[in-house]
Each structure stands twice: as C-alpha cells, then as structure tokens.
Amino acid sequence: MPYPEYICAPMRNELTSVGFTELKTPEEVDATIPNSKGTVLLLLNSVCGCAAGTARPGVRLSLDSAKHPEKLVTVFAGQDMEATAEARKFTLPYPPSSPAIALFKDGKLVHFIERHHIEGRSAQMIAEHLKATYEEFC
C-alpha cells in the first residue's frame, strides 16, 4: 500500500516549490532521463525521517550554487511505485535505495548518493557534497 497523499504532500511540495518536476509514471521517467541533454538531478524522495529529513533540505541548499543541474526531477518511493521502479533502472548497478540522489549527464548516470551516504549527515554536508559534484559535472 502506498503512503497516504496527505503525508507525502508536504514532502513533495518541499521539492516542487524550488523547481523540481514530479515524475509520476514510468512513461514520464522514460521520456525524461535516458535521452536527456545536459544535466538532470533525480531525487528519489522518501517518507523515511532518518534520511529524507536531511536529503530534501540538503538538495535545496545545494541549488544555491553558481553551477547546478539544468533539470530537477523527483519520484516518490513508497507512493509513485511504478515511476520509482522505472527510475531505479537508470541507477543500476546501485541497489534500490531511498532516499537517494542521482546526477545524469546526457542521459548517463555520473554520480549517485545512496541512503547510507545520507544517513547521519546534515543537510549542509549533503549540500556541500552536491556542490562539489556540480562543479565537476555541470
């Protein structure tokens, strides 16, 4: 059973309010990631408080940078299950992880941050890690 929308809505808004586009279907994922030009940041959103509570704020903070991804997209694990499963095909060989953060360049995965690299880290630490990644790839 997916999480109820009333629980997820504020977590969705935390991203859409700063320019993220939600990918809610496998077709939207397929139309966005594999044939993209430039850089695309994908946040596999999650209800999990231990990690998602710093992933979303960390990503938001990271966007306050001279270099950042051209396109911002998100899928919601535990709610948009089919879209999430499709997005995870593009993050292989990494195992399913949520939250997680993926950076694609010209449709290819160039950087991936798994849940265990998010847990125990502050939003600022995540933001700094992402800013360094943007400097390299964006």
N, C-alpha and C. Protein backbone atom coordinates (compact mmCIF):
# COMPACT_ATOMS: atom_id res chain seq x y z
N MET A 1 0.84 -1.19 0.00
CA MET A 1 0.00 0.00 0.00
C MET A 1 0.88 1.25 0.00
N PRO A 2 0.59 2.17 -0.88
CA PRO A 2 1.34 3.44 -0.88
C PRO A 2 1.01 4.28 0.36
N TYR A 3 1.95 5.16 0.69
CA TYR A 3 1.71 6.10 1.76
C TYR A 3 0.56 7.03 1.36
N PRO A 4 -0.25 7.46 2.34
CA PRO A 4 -1.34 8.39 2.01
C PRO A 4 -0.80 9.73 1.50
N GLU A 5 -1.53 10.32 0.57
CA GLU A 5 -1.09 11.58 -0.04
C GLU A 5 -0.95 12.70 1.00
N TYR A 6 -1.81 12.73 2.01
CA TYR A 6 -1.72 13.81 3.00
C TYR A 6 -0.39 13.79 3.75
N ILE A 7 0.24 12.62 3.84
CA ILE A 7 1.55 12.53 4.48
C ILE A 7 2.64 13.01 3.52
N CYS A 8 2.49 12.66 2.25
CA CYS A 8 3.53 12.94 1.25
C CYS A 8 3.46 14.35 0.67
N ALA A 9 2.29 14.95 0.67
CA ALA A 9 2.12 16.25 0.01
C ALA A 9 3.14 17.30 0.48
N PRO A 10 3.37 17.47 1.77
CA PRO A 10 4.36 18.48 2.18
C PRO A 10 5.78 18.14 1.71
N MET A 11 6.09 16.84 1.64
CA MET A 11 7.42 16.41 1.19
C MET A 11 7.57 16.61 -0.31
N ARG A 12 6.49 16.44 -1.04
CA ARG A 12 6.50 16.73 -2.48
C ARG A 12 6.71 18.24 -2.69
N ASN A 13 5.94 19.03 -1.95
CA ASN A 13 5.99 20.48 -2.08
C ASN A 13 7.35 21.05 -1.75
N GLU A 14 8.04 20.42 -0.83
CA GLU A 14 9.38 20.87 -0.45
C GLU A 14 10.31 20.89 -1.67
N LEU A 15 10.04 20.02 -2.63
CA LEU A 15 10.86 19.96 -3.84
C LEU A 15 10.24 20.74 -5.00
N THR A 16 8.95 20.59 -5.22
CA THR A 16 8.33 21.28 -6.35
C THR A 16 8.39 22.80 -6.17
N SER A 17 8.42 23.26 -4.93
CA SER A 17 8.46 24.70 -4.68
C SER A 17 9.80 25.33 -5.09
N VAL A 18 10.83 24.49 -5.30
CA VAL A 18 12.13 25.02 -5.75
C VAL A 18 12.45 24.57 -7.18
N GLY A 19 11.44 24.10 -7.91
CA GLY A 19 11.64 23.83 -9.32
C GLY A 19 11.72 22.37 -9.75
N PHE A 20 11.55 21.44 -8.84
CA PHE A 20 11.55 20.03 -9.22
C PHE A 20 10.25 19.68 -9.94
N THR A 21 10.36 18.83 -10.95
CA THR A 21 9.21 18.28 -11.64
C THR A 21 9.01 16.85 -11.14
N GLU A 22 7.79 16.53 -10.77
CA GLU A 22 7.48 15.18 -10.33
C GLU A 22 7.28 14.28 -11.54
N LEU A 23 7.90 13.11 -11.48
CA LEU A 23 7.69 12.08 -12.48
C LEU A 23 6.84 11.01 -11.81
N LYS A 24 5.60 10.90 -12.21
CA LYS A 24 4.67 10.01 -11.51
C LYS A 24 4.36 8.72 -12.25
N THR A 25 4.85 8.61 -13.48
CA THR A 25 4.59 7.39 -14.26
C THR A 25 5.89 6.90 -14.88
N PRO A 26 5.94 5.61 -15.21
CA PRO A 26 7.13 5.10 -15.90
C PRO A 26 7.36 5.81 -17.23
N GLU A 27 6.30 6.18 -17.91
CA GLU A 27 6.43 6.88 -19.19
C GLU A 27 7.08 8.24 -19.01
N GLU A 28 6.74 8.95 -17.94
CA GLU A 28 7.38 10.25 -17.67
C GLU A 28 8.86 10.08 -17.37
N VAL A 29 9.20 9.02 -16.63
CA VAL A 29 10.61 8.73 -16.34
C VAL A 29 11.36 8.45 -17.63
N ASP A 30 10.79 7.58 -18.48
CA ASP A 30 11.44 7.21 -19.74
C ASP A 30 11.58 8.39 -20.69
N ALA A 31 10.65 9.30 -20.64
CA ALA A 31 10.72 10.48 -21.51
C ALA A 31 11.72 11.51 -21.00
N THR A 32 12.12 11.40 -19.75
CA THR A 32 12.96 12.42 -19.13
C THR A 32 14.43 12.02 -18.99
N ILE A 33 14.70 10.84 -18.48
CA ILE A 33 16.07 10.52 -18.09
C ILE A 33 16.96 10.00 -19.23
N PRO A 34 16.61 8.92 -19.92
CA PRO A 34 17.61 8.30 -20.81
C PRO A 34 18.04 9.13 -22.00
N ASN A 35 17.20 9.98 -22.51
CA ASN A 35 17.55 10.77 -23.70
C ASN A 35 17.79 12.24 -23.38
N SER A 36 18.00 12.54 -22.12
CA SER A 36 18.18 13.94 -21.72
C SER A 36 19.49 14.49 -22.24
N LYS A 37 19.49 15.78 -22.48
CA LYS A 37 20.70 16.50 -22.85
C LYS A 37 21.06 17.40 -21.68
N GLY A 38 22.34 17.52 -21.38
CA GLY A 38 22.74 18.31 -20.24
C GLY A 38 22.63 17.51 -18.96
N THR A 39 22.44 18.21 -17.85
CA THR A 39 22.43 17.56 -16.55
C THR A 39 21.03 17.51 -15.96
N VAL A 40 20.74 16.36 -15.34
CA VAL A 40 19.45 16.12 -14.68
C VAL A 40 19.74 15.58 -13.29
N LEU A 41 19.17 16.21 -12.29
CA LEU A 41 19.27 15.73 -10.92
C LEU A 41 17.97 15.03 -10.58
N LEU A 42 18.07 13.78 -10.14
CA LEU A 42 16.91 12.99 -9.72
C LEU A 42 17.01 12.75 -8.23
N LEU A 43 15.97 13.15 -7.51
CA LEU A 43 15.87 12.82 -6.09
C LEU A 43 14.81 11.76 -5.94
N LEU A 44 15.23 10.59 -5.45
CA LEU A 44 14.28 9.54 -5.10
C LEU A 44 13.80 9.89 -3.70
N ASN A 45 12.66 10.53 -3.64
CA ASN A 45 12.10 11.06 -2.41
C ASN A 45 11.60 9.92 -1.54
N SER A 46 11.48 10.18 -0.25
CA SER A 46 11.10 9.15 0.70
C SER A 46 10.44 9.77 1.92
N VAL A 47 9.61 8.97 2.58
CA VAL A 47 8.98 9.40 3.82
C VAL A 47 9.94 9.23 4.99
N CYS A 48 10.89 8.34 4.85
CA CYS A 48 11.81 7.99 5.93
C CYS A 48 12.42 9.23 6.59
N GLY A 49 12.11 9.44 7.84
CA GLY A 49 12.59 10.63 8.54
C GLY A 49 14.06 10.62 8.84
N CYS A 50 14.64 9.44 9.02
CA CYS A 50 16.06 9.38 9.39
C CYS A 50 16.97 9.86 8.28
N ALA A 51 16.55 9.71 7.04
CA ALA A 51 17.41 10.13 5.95
C ALA A 51 16.77 11.21 5.09
N ALA A 52 15.50 11.08 4.78
CA ALA A 52 14.85 12.05 3.90
C ALA A 52 14.77 13.42 4.54
N GLY A 53 14.76 13.47 5.86
CA GLY A 53 14.70 14.75 6.55
C GLY A 53 15.91 15.62 6.30
N THR A 54 17.02 15.01 5.87
CA THR A 54 18.19 15.82 5.51
C THR A 54 18.43 15.82 4.00
N ALA A 55 17.93 14.82 3.28
CA ALA A 55 18.15 14.77 1.83
C ALA A 55 17.46 15.94 1.14
N ARG A 56 16.18 16.14 1.42
CA ARG A 56 15.46 17.23 0.75
C ARG A 56 16.07 18.60 1.08
N PRO A 57 16.28 18.91 2.35
CA PRO A 57 16.90 20.22 2.65
C PRO A 57 18.31 20.33 2.07
N GLY A 58 19.07 19.24 2.06
CA GLY A 58 20.41 19.27 1.51
C GLY A 58 20.41 19.57 0.02
N VAL A 59 19.49 18.95 -0.71
CA VAL A 59 19.38 19.21 -2.14
C VAL A 59 18.95 20.65 -2.37
N ARG A 60 18.00 21.12 -1.59
CA ARG A 60 17.55 22.52 -1.75
C ARG A 60 18.71 23.48 -1.53
N LEU A 61 19.49 23.27 -0.47
CA LEU A 61 20.65 24.13 -0.19
C LEU A 61 21.69 24.06 -1.31
N SER A 62 21.83 22.90 -1.91
CA SER A 62 22.85 22.72 -2.95
C SER A 62 22.56 23.55 -4.20
N LEU A 63 21.32 23.91 -4.39
CA LEU A 63 20.94 24.65 -5.60
C LEU A 63 21.36 26.11 -5.53
N ASP A 64 21.77 26.56 -4.36
CA ASP A 64 22.28 27.92 -4.19
C ASP A 64 23.77 27.91 -4.55
N SER A 65 24.04 27.67 -5.81
CA SER A 65 25.40 27.49 -6.28
C SER A 65 25.49 28.04 -7.70
N ALA A 66 26.66 28.51 -8.07
CA ALA A 66 26.83 29.05 -9.42
C ALA A 66 26.58 27.96 -10.46
N LYS A 67 27.04 26.76 -10.19
CA LYS A 67 26.80 25.63 -11.09
C LYS A 67 25.79 24.71 -10.42
N HIS A 68 24.81 24.29 -11.19
CA HIS A 68 23.84 23.31 -10.70
C HIS A 68 23.18 22.64 -11.89
N PRO A 69 22.49 21.53 -11.67
CA PRO A 69 21.87 20.80 -12.78
C PRO A 69 20.86 21.66 -13.53
N GLU A 70 20.73 21.37 -14.81
CA GLU A 70 19.80 22.11 -15.65
C GLU A 70 18.35 21.71 -15.40
N LYS A 71 18.15 20.46 -15.05
CA LYS A 71 16.79 19.95 -14.84
C LYS A 71 16.74 19.22 -13.50
N LEU A 72 15.65 19.44 -12.77
CA LEU A 72 15.44 18.83 -11.46
C LEU A 72 14.18 17.98 -11.52
N VAL A 73 14.31 16.69 -11.18
CA VAL A 73 13.15 15.80 -11.21
C VAL A 73 13.14 14.94 -9.95
N THR A 74 11.96 14.40 -9.64
CA THR A 74 11.82 13.57 -8.47
C THR A 74 10.77 12.50 -8.69
N VAL A 75 10.98 11.36 -8.06
CA VAL A 75 9.98 10.31 -7.93
C VAL A 75 9.82 10.06 -6.44
N PHE A 76 8.66 9.55 -6.03
CA PHE A 76 8.40 9.35 -4.61
C PHE A 76 8.30 7.86 -4.31
N ALA A 77 9.35 7.31 -3.70
CA ALA A 77 9.35 5.91 -3.28
C ALA A 77 8.27 5.71 -2.23
N GLY A 78 7.58 4.61 -2.31
CA GLY A 78 6.52 4.34 -1.36
C GLY A 78 5.19 4.95 -1.74
N GLN A 79 5.17 5.71 -2.83
CA GLN A 79 3.92 6.25 -3.31
C GLN A 79 3.79 6.11 -4.82
N ASP A 80 4.72 6.67 -5.57
CA ASP A 80 4.71 6.52 -7.03
C ASP A 80 5.59 5.32 -7.38
N MET A 81 5.08 4.14 -7.05
CA MET A 81 5.90 2.93 -7.08
C MET A 81 6.38 2.54 -8.46
N GLU A 82 5.52 2.63 -9.45
CA GLU A 82 5.92 2.24 -10.80
C GLU A 82 6.95 3.22 -11.37
N ALA A 83 6.76 4.50 -11.13
CA ALA A 83 7.73 5.50 -11.60
C ALA A 83 9.07 5.31 -10.88
N THR A 84 9.01 5.00 -9.61
CA THR A 84 10.24 4.77 -8.84
C THR A 84 10.98 3.55 -9.36
N ALA A 85 10.26 2.48 -9.63
CA ALA A 85 10.88 1.27 -10.16
C ALA A 85 11.55 1.55 -11.51
N GLU A 86 10.89 2.34 -12.34
CA GLU A 86 11.45 2.69 -13.65
C GLU A 86 12.70 3.56 -13.47
N ALA A 87 12.65 4.53 -12.57
CA ALA A 87 13.81 5.40 -12.33
C ALA A 87 15.00 4.59 -11.83
N ARG A 88 14.74 3.59 -11.02
CA ARG A 88 15.83 2.78 -10.46
C ARG A 88 16.54 1.97 -11.54
N LYS A 89 15.90 1.73 -12.66
CA LYS A 89 16.58 1.04 -13.77
C LYS A 89 17.75 1.87 -14.27
N PHE A 90 17.64 3.19 -14.14
CA PHE A 90 18.69 4.07 -14.64
C PHE A 90 19.78 4.33 -13.60
N THR A 91 19.59 3.82 -12.37
CA THR A 91 20.62 4.00 -11.34
C THR A 91 21.39 2.71 -11.08
N LEU A 92 21.17 1.70 -11.92
CA LEU A 92 21.95 0.47 -11.81
C LEU A 92 23.40 0.78 -12.12
N PRO A 93 24.35 0.16 -11.49
CA PRO A 93 24.27 -1.07 -10.73
C PRO A 93 23.98 -0.88 -9.24
N TYR A 94 23.63 0.31 -8.84
CA TYR A 94 23.33 0.55 -7.42
C TYR A 94 22.02 -0.14 -7.05
N PRO A 95 21.97 -0.71 -5.84
CA PRO A 95 20.73 -1.35 -5.40
C PRO A 95 19.67 -0.30 -5.07
N PRO A 96 18.40 -0.70 -5.03
CA PRO A 96 17.34 0.25 -4.66
C PRO A 96 17.66 0.91 -3.32
N SER A 97 17.46 2.21 -3.28
CA SER A 97 17.77 3.00 -2.10
C SER A 97 16.86 4.22 -2.10
N SER A 98 16.29 4.51 -0.95
CA SER A 98 15.51 5.74 -0.85
C SER A 98 15.61 6.26 0.58
N PRO A 99 15.85 7.53 0.71
CA PRO A 99 16.09 8.45 -0.38
C PRO A 99 17.43 8.17 -1.05
N ALA A 100 17.56 8.72 -2.24
CA ALA A 100 18.81 8.64 -2.98
C ALA A 100 18.84 9.83 -3.94
N ILE A 101 20.02 10.16 -4.40
CA ILE A 101 20.19 11.32 -5.28
C ILE A 101 21.07 10.88 -6.44
N ALA A 102 20.58 11.10 -7.66
CA ALA A 102 21.32 10.70 -8.85
C ALA A 102 21.53 11.91 -9.76
N LEU A 103 22.72 12.00 -10.32
CA LEU A 103 23.01 13.04 -11.30
C LEU A 103 23.31 12.36 -12.63
N PHE A 104 22.60 12.79 -13.66
CA PHE A 104 22.78 12.28 -15.02
C PHE A 104 23.34 13.38 -15.89
N LYS A 105 24.20 12.99 -16.80
CA LYS A 105 24.71 13.94 -17.80
C LYS A 105 24.52 13.28 -19.16
N ASP A 106 23.77 13.97 -20.01
CA ASP A 106 23.43 13.44 -21.33
C ASP A 106 22.88 12.02 -21.23
N GLY A 107 22.00 11.80 -20.27
CA GLY A 107 21.31 10.53 -20.11
C GLY A 107 22.09 9.45 -19.41
N LYS A 108 23.32 9.72 -19.00
CA LYS A 108 24.16 8.72 -18.33
C LYS A 108 24.34 9.08 -16.86
N LEU A 109 24.24 8.07 -16.01
CA LEU A 109 24.46 8.27 -14.57
C LEU A 109 25.93 8.59 -14.34
N VAL A 110 26.19 9.75 -13.71
CA VAL A 110 27.57 10.15 -13.43
C VAL A 110 27.87 10.22 -11.93
N HIS A 111 26.84 10.27 -11.11
CA HIS A 111 27.06 10.33 -9.65
C HIS A 111 25.80 9.83 -8.96
N PHE A 112 26.01 9.06 -7.87
CA PHE A 112 24.86 8.52 -7.13
C PHE A 112 25.17 8.55 -5.65
N ILE A 113 24.21 9.04 -4.89
CA ILE A 113 24.35 9.09 -3.43
C ILE A 113 23.27 8.18 -2.85
N GLU A 114 23.72 7.09 -2.24
CA GLU A 114 22.81 6.13 -1.65
C GLU A 114 22.37 6.56 -0.25
N ARG A 115 21.31 5.94 0.21
CA ARG A 115 20.77 6.25 1.52
C ARG A 115 21.84 6.20 2.62
N HIS A 116 22.70 5.19 2.58
CA HIS A 116 23.70 5.08 3.66
C HIS A 116 24.73 6.20 3.61
N HIS A 117 24.78 6.95 2.50
CA HIS A 117 25.64 8.14 2.45
C HIS A 117 24.88 9.40 2.85
N ILE A 118 23.59 9.26 3.10
CA ILE A 118 22.75 10.38 3.54
C ILE A 118 22.52 10.30 5.05
N GLU A 119 22.28 9.09 5.53
CA GLU A 119 22.01 8.90 6.96
C GLU A 119 23.15 9.43 7.82
N GLY A 120 22.79 10.14 8.85
CA GLY A 120 23.78 10.66 9.79
C GLY A 120 24.52 11.90 9.32
N ARG A 121 24.17 12.39 8.16
CA ARG A 121 24.81 13.60 7.65
C ARG A 121 23.82 14.76 7.68
N SER A 122 24.33 15.92 7.92
CA SER A 122 23.46 17.10 7.98
C SER A 122 23.10 17.55 6.57
N ALA A 123 22.08 18.37 6.48
CA ALA A 123 21.68 18.95 5.20
C ALA A 123 22.84 19.73 4.60
N GLN A 124 23.57 20.44 5.42
CA GLN A 124 24.72 21.23 4.93
C GLN A 124 25.80 20.32 4.36
N MET A 125 26.07 19.20 4.99
CA MET A 125 27.07 18.26 4.47
C MET A 125 26.64 17.70 3.12
N ILE A 126 25.36 17.36 3.00
CA ILE A 126 24.84 16.85 1.73
C ILE A 126 24.94 17.93 0.66
N ALA A 127 24.59 19.15 1.02
CA ALA A 127 24.66 20.27 0.07
C ALA A 127 26.09 20.48 -0.42
N GLU A 128 27.06 20.45 0.47
CA GLU A 128 28.45 20.66 0.09
C GLU A 128 28.94 19.54 -0.84
N HIS A 129 28.54 18.31 -0.52
CA HIS A 129 28.89 17.17 -1.38
C HIS A 129 28.32 17.39 -2.79
N LEU A 130 27.06 17.79 -2.87
CA LEU A 130 26.42 18.01 -4.16
C LEU A 130 27.04 19.19 -4.91
N LYS A 131 27.37 20.25 -4.21
CA LYS A 131 28.00 21.40 -4.87
C LYS A 131 29.33 20.99 -5.51
N ALA A 132 30.10 20.18 -4.85
CA ALA A 132 31.36 19.68 -5.42
C ALA A 132 31.08 18.82 -6.65
N THR A 133 30.03 18.04 -6.59
CA THR A 133 29.62 17.21 -7.73
C THR A 133 29.20 18.08 -8.91
N TYR A 134 28.44 19.14 -8.63
CA TYR A 134 28.02 20.05 -9.69
C TYR A 134 29.22 20.72 -10.35
N GLU A 135 30.22 21.09 -9.54
CA GLU A 135 31.42 21.71 -10.10
C GLU A 135 32.10 20.79 -11.11
N GLU A 136 32.05 19.50 -10.82
CA GLU A 136 32.70 18.52 -11.70
C GLU A 136 31.89 18.23 -12.97
N PHE A 137 30.57 18.15 -12.84
CA PHE A 137 29.76 17.64 -13.95
C PHE A 137 28.84 18.66 -14.63
N CYS A 138 28.57 19.77 -13.97
CA CYS A 138 27.59 20.73 -14.55
C CYS A 138 28.28 21.88 -15.27
